[in-house]
């Protein structure tokens, strides 16, 4: 079973575009959508609406910076300070080009900081590349589980 991708996005337009882009990349991973930071935290800690979800961490968290309830920086802080979660790759996917947001994200251990392109084609390509890299190509740290795809010579 492939690990899911956790997409944390509150903007309906950006959410739709990101889902289209991930679909175009033809990843088989399930995409779990959280519409605010609190929902993402509940998912990661298997509580609330996600208390019954299968255990295990997502392959990657695509995290918007500006979110209701708990912002992306706070979600990133929580992920990096929780031993069971700290090795999950986190990609900040945001429209913010503010230097302080970029610096703070990297100080807290974000794996990548991607500014959302305005043009649809660029956006689709960027998301597809991110999905393929983090869900398929990236080697997770030793000790974390990785599902090997069958039938691809692997």
C-alpha atoms as a PDB file:
ATOM      1  CA  UNK A   1       0.000   0.000   0.000  1.00  0.00           C
ATOM      2  CA  UNK A   2       1.359   3.407  -0.958  1.00  0.00           C
ATOM      3  CA  UNK A   3       1.687   6.127   1.629  1.00  0.00           C
ATOM      4  CA  UNK A   4      -0.760   9.002   1.142  1.00  0.00           C
ATOM      5  CA  UNK A   5       0.140  12.591   0.355  1.00  0.00           C
ATOM      6  CA  UNK A   6      -1.215  15.046   2.932  1.00  0.00           C
ATOM      7  CA  UNK A   7      -2.276  18.261   1.220  1.00  0.00           C
ATOM      8  CA  UNK A   8      -3.027  21.111   3.622  1.00  0.00           C
ATOM      9  CA  UNK A   9      -4.735  23.918   1.699  1.00  0.00           C
ATOM     10  CA  UNK A  10      -7.631  26.214   2.544  1.00  0.00           C
ATOM     11  CA  UNK A  11      -8.011  28.102  -0.745  1.00  0.00           C
ATOM     12  CA  UNK A  12     -10.587  26.240  -2.901  1.00  0.00           C
ATOM     13  CA  UNK A  13      -9.012  27.388  -6.170  1.00  0.00           C
ATOM     14  CA  UNK A  14      -5.468  26.383  -5.148  1.00  0.00           C
ATOM     15  CA  UNK A  15      -6.806  23.106  -3.761  1.00  0.00           C
ATOM     16  CA  UNK A  16      -8.524  22.253  -7.035  1.00  0.00           C
ATOM     17  CA  UNK A  17      -5.462  23.174  -9.098  1.00  0.00           C
ATOM     18  CA  UNK A  18      -3.164  21.146  -6.856  1.00  0.00           C
ATOM     19  CA  UNK A  19      -5.420  18.087  -7.064  1.00  0.00           C
ATOM     20  CA  UNK A  20      -5.572  18.401 -10.875  1.00  0.00           C
ATOM     21  CA  UNK A  21      -1.783  18.694 -11.006  1.00  0.00           C
ATOM     22  CA  UNK A  22      -1.272  15.635  -8.795  1.00  0.00           C
ATOM     23  CA  UNK A  23      -3.745  13.689 -10.916  1.00  0.00           C
ATOM     24  CA  UNK A  24      -1.873  14.659 -14.101  1.00  0.00           C
ATOM     25  CA  UNK A  25       1.352  13.345 -12.580  1.00  0.00           C
ATOM     26  CA  UNK A  26      -0.366   9.925 -12.447  1.00  0.00           C
ATOM     27  CA  UNK A  27       0.727   9.143  -8.909  1.00  0.00           C
ATOM     28  CA  UNK A  28      -1.125   6.225  -7.377  1.00  0.00           C
ATOM     29  CA  UNK A  29      -0.865   7.722  -3.879  1.00  0.00           C
ATOM     30  CA  UNK A  30      -4.091   8.720  -2.169  1.00  0.00           C
ATOM     31  CA  UNK A  31      -4.269  12.464  -1.518  1.00  0.00           C
ATOM     32  CA  UNK A  32      -5.688  13.356   1.889  1.00  0.00           C
ATOM     33  CA  UNK A  33      -6.916  16.947   2.084  1.00  0.00           C
ATOM     34  CA  UNK A  34      -6.899  19.008   5.271  1.00  0.00           C
ATOM     35  CA  UNK A  35      -8.461  22.468   4.924  1.00  0.00           C
ATOM     36  CA  UNK A  36      -6.791  24.053   7.934  1.00  0.00           C
ATOM     37  CA  UNK A  37      -3.853  23.495  10.243  1.00  0.00           C
ATOM     38  CA  UNK A  38      -5.949  22.007  13.046  1.00  0.00           C
ATOM     39  CA  UNK A  39      -7.322  19.345  10.698  1.00  0.00           C
ATOM     40  CA  UNK A  40      -3.769  18.514   9.548  1.00  0.00           C
ATOM     41  CA  UNK A  41      -2.629  18.114  13.160  1.00  0.00           C
ATOM     42  CA  UNK A  42      -5.608  15.851  13.903  1.00  0.00           C
ATOM     43  CA  UNK A  43      -4.723  13.714  10.864  1.00  0.00           C
ATOM     44  CA  UNK A  44      -1.072  13.417  11.861  1.00  0.00           C
ATOM     45  CA  UNK A  45      -1.977  12.481  15.446  1.00  0.00           C
ATOM     46  CA  UNK A  46      -4.815  10.074  14.488  1.00  0.00           C
ATOM     47  CA  UNK A  47      -7.460  11.950  16.435  1.00  0.00           C
ATOM     48  CA  UNK A  48     -10.825  13.623  15.874  1.00  0.00           C
ATOM     49  CA  UNK A  49     -12.237  12.749  12.451  1.00  0.00           C
ATOM     50  CA  UNK A  50      -9.034  10.786  11.759  1.00  0.00           C
ATOM     51  CA  UNK A  51      -9.018   8.603  14.877  1.00  0.00           C
ATOM     52  CA  UNK A  52      -9.882   5.535  12.798  1.00  0.00           C
ATOM     53  CA  UNK A  53      -7.533   6.164   9.866  1.00  0.00           C
ATOM     54  CA  UNK A  54      -4.859   3.579   9.088  1.00  0.00           C
ATOM     55  CA  UNK A  55      -1.692   4.158  11.079  1.00  0.00           C
ATOM     56  CA  UNK A  56       1.444   5.427   9.405  1.00  0.00           C
ATOM     57  CA  UNK A  57       2.777   8.724   8.191  1.00  0.00           C
ATOM     58  CA  UNK A  58       2.173  10.344   4.825  1.00  0.00           C
ATOM     59  CA  UNK A  59       4.859  10.183   2.115  1.00  0.00           C
ATOM     60  CA  UNK A  60       4.985  13.986   2.124  1.00  0.00           C
ATOM     61  CA  UNK A  61       3.083  16.949   3.526  1.00  0.00           C
ATOM     62  CA  UNK A  62       2.297  19.724   1.031  1.00  0.00           C
ATOM     63  CA  UNK A  63       1.644  22.577   3.423  1.00  0.00           C
ATOM     64  CA  UNK A  64       0.222  26.018   2.751  1.00  0.00           C
ATOM     65  CA  UNK A  65       1.717  28.761   4.887  1.00  0.00           C
ATOM     66  CA  UNK A  66      -1.339  30.898   5.585  1.00  0.00           C
ATOM     67  CA  UNK A  67      -4.033  28.670   7.070  1.00  0.00           C
ATOM     68  CA  UNK A  68      -7.002  29.169   9.393  1.00  0.00           C
ATOM     69  CA  UNK A  69      -6.916  27.933  13.013  1.00  0.00           C
ATOM     70  CA  UNK A  70      -3.241  26.844  13.008  1.00  0.00           C
ATOM     71  CA  UNK A  71      -0.925  28.341  10.394  1.00  0.00           C
ATOM     72  CA  UNK A  72       1.606  26.406   8.341  1.00  0.00           C
ATOM     73  CA  UNK A  73       4.562  27.519  10.471  1.00  0.00           C
ATOM     74  CA  UNK A  74       2.891  26.141  13.596  1.00  0.00           C
ATOM     75  CA  UNK A  75       2.075  22.854  11.849  1.00  0.00           C
ATOM     76  CA  UNK A  76       5.699  22.593  10.711  1.00  0.00           C
ATOM     77  CA  UNK A  77       6.920  23.283  14.276  1.00  0.00           C
ATOM     78  CA  UNK A  78       4.650  20.540  15.618  1.00  0.00           C
ATOM     79  CA  UNK A  79       5.821  18.037  12.978  1.00  0.00           C
ATOM     80  CA  UNK A  80       9.502  18.740  13.616  1.00  0.00           C
ATOM     81  CA  UNK A  81       9.119  18.570  17.403  1.00  0.00           C
ATOM     82  CA  UNK A  82       7.253  15.233  17.396  1.00  0.00           C
ATOM     83  CA  UNK A  83       9.645  12.256  17.237  1.00  0.00           C
ATOM     84  CA  UNK A  84       7.208  10.028  15.302  1.00  0.00           C
ATOM     85  CA  UNK A  85       6.607  12.733  12.691  1.00  0.00           C
ATOM     86  CA  UNK A  86       9.865  14.646  12.351  1.00  0.00           C
ATOM     87  CA  UNK A  87      11.217  12.609   9.429  1.00  0.00           C
ATOM     88  CA  UNK A  88       8.176  13.291   7.188  1.00  0.00           C
ATOM     89  CA  UNK A  89       9.205  15.482   4.240  1.00  0.00           C
ATOM     90  CA  UNK A  90       7.388  18.818   4.401  1.00  0.00           C
ATOM     91  CA  UNK A  91       7.070  21.078   1.378  1.00  0.00           C
ATOM     92  CA  UNK A  92       5.826  24.590   2.058  1.00  0.00           C
ATOM     93  CA  UNK A  93       3.586  25.412  -0.879  1.00  0.00           C
ATOM     94  CA  UNK A  94       2.652  29.060  -0.643  1.00  0.00           C
ATOM     95  CA  UNK A  95       2.099  32.318  -2.442  1.00  0.00           C
ATOM     96  CA  UNK A  96       4.279  34.153   0.091  1.00  0.00           C
ATOM     97  CA  UNK A  97       7.567  35.502  -1.202  1.00  0.00           C
ATOM     98  CA  UNK A  98       8.282  37.214   2.126  1.00  0.00           C
ATOM     99  CA  UNK A  99      11.857  36.620   3.235  1.00  0.00           C
ATOM    100  CA  UNK A 100      10.838  36.143   6.880  1.00  0.00           C
ATOM    101  CA  UNK A 101       8.454  33.314   5.904  1.00  0.00           C
ATOM    102  CA  UNK A 102      11.152  31.633   3.835  1.00  0.00           C
ATOM    103  CA  UNK A 103      13.790  31.971   6.566  1.00  0.00           C
ATOM    104  CA  UNK A 104      11.456  30.824   9.341  1.00  0.00           C
ATOM    105  CA  UNK A 105      10.382  27.775   7.337  1.00  0.00           C
ATOM    106  CA  UNK A 106      13.967  26.680   6.751  1.00  0.00           C
ATOM    107  CA  UNK A 107      14.933  27.401  10.384  1.00  0.00           C
ATOM    108  CA  UNK A 108      12.179  24.982  11.416  1.00  0.00           C
ATOM    109  CA  UNK A 109      13.363  22.269   9.033  1.00  0.00           C
ATOM    110  CA  UNK A 110      11.151  22.484   5.950  1.00  0.00           C
ATOM    111  CA  UNK A 111      12.464  20.287   3.128  1.00  0.00           C
ATOM    112  CA  UNK A 112      11.448  22.644   0.342  1.00  0.00           C
ATOM    113  CA  UNK A 113       9.778  26.027  -0.040  1.00  0.00           C
ATOM    114  CA  UNK A 114       7.850  26.449  -3.272  1.00  0.00           C
ATOM    115  CA  UNK A 115       6.174  29.701  -4.257  1.00  0.00           C
ATOM    116  CA  UNK A 116       2.977  28.927  -6.136  1.00  0.00           C
ATOM    117  CA  UNK A 117       3.360  29.969  -9.777  1.00  0.00           C
ATOM    118  CA  UNK A 118       0.553  32.118 -11.098  1.00  0.00           C
ATOM    119  CA  UNK A 119       0.375  30.494 -14.544  1.00  0.00           C
ATOM    120  CA  UNK A 120      -1.672  27.281 -14.606  1.00  0.00           C
ATOM    121  CA  UNK A 121       0.822  25.293 -16.709  1.00  0.00           C
ATOM    122  CA  UNK A 122       3.724  26.222 -14.414  1.00  0.00           C
ATOM    123  CA  UNK A 123       1.638  25.359 -11.369  1.00  0.00           C
ATOM    124  CA  UNK A 124       0.689  21.933 -12.763  1.00  0.00           C
ATOM    125  CA  UNK A 125       4.307  21.159 -13.677  1.00  0.00           C
ATOM    126  CA  UNK A 126       5.636  22.264 -10.282  1.00  0.00           C
ATOM    127  CA  UNK A 127       3.098  20.175  -8.345  1.00  0.00           C
ATOM    128  CA  UNK A 128       3.574  17.129 -10.572  1.00  0.00           C
ATOM    129  CA  UNK A 129       7.346  17.326 -10.086  1.00  0.00           C
ATOM    130  CA  UNK A 130       6.936  17.678  -6.313  1.00  0.00           C
ATOM    131  CA  UNK A 131       4.588  14.716  -6.107  1.00  0.00           C
ATOM    132  CA  UNK A 132       6.827  12.440  -8.129  1.00  0.00           C
ATOM    133  CA  UNK A 133       9.939  13.455  -6.232  1.00  0.00           C
ATOM    134  CA  UNK A 134       8.624  13.133  -2.688  1.00  0.00           C
ATOM    135  CA  UNK A 135       6.242  10.211  -3.183  1.00  0.00           C
ATOM    136  CA  UNK A 136       8.350   8.095  -5.542  1.00  0.00           C
ATOM    137  CA  UNK A 137      11.983   9.154  -5.905  1.00  0.00           C
ATOM    138  CA  UNK A 138      12.939  10.383  -2.442  1.00  0.00           C
ATOM    139  CA  UNK A 139      14.693   7.867  -0.199  1.00  0.00           C
ATOM    140  CA  UNK A 140      13.224   8.104   3.307  1.00  0.00           C
ATOM    141  CA  UNK A 141      15.537   7.977   6.323  1.00  0.00           C
ATOM    142  CA  UNK A 142      16.645   4.561   7.639  1.00  0.00           C
ATOM    143  CA  UNK A 143      14.041   2.971   9.855  1.00  0.00           C
ATOM    144  CA  UNK A 144      11.023   4.493   8.154  1.00  0.00           C
ATOM    145  CA  UNK A 145       8.933   2.227   6.014  1.00  0.00           C
ATOM    146  CA  UNK A 146       8.927   2.556   2.280  1.00  0.00           C
ATOM    147  CA  UNK A 147       6.645   0.651   0.000  1.00  0.00           C
ATOM    148  CA  UNK A 148       8.416  -0.917  -2.958  1.00  0.00           C
ATOM    149  CA  UNK A 149       6.481  -0.745  -6.208  1.00  0.00           C
ATOM    150  CA  UNK A 150       6.173  -4.060  -7.977  1.00  0.00           C
ATOM    151  CA  UNK A 151       6.432  -4.556 -11.713  1.00  0.00           C
ATOM    152  CA  UNK A 152       8.798  -1.644 -12.355  1.00  0.00           C
ATOM    153  CA  UNK A 153      11.945  -3.652 -11.955  1.00  0.00           C
ATOM    154  CA  UNK A 154      12.109  -2.487  -8.309  1.00  0.00           C
END
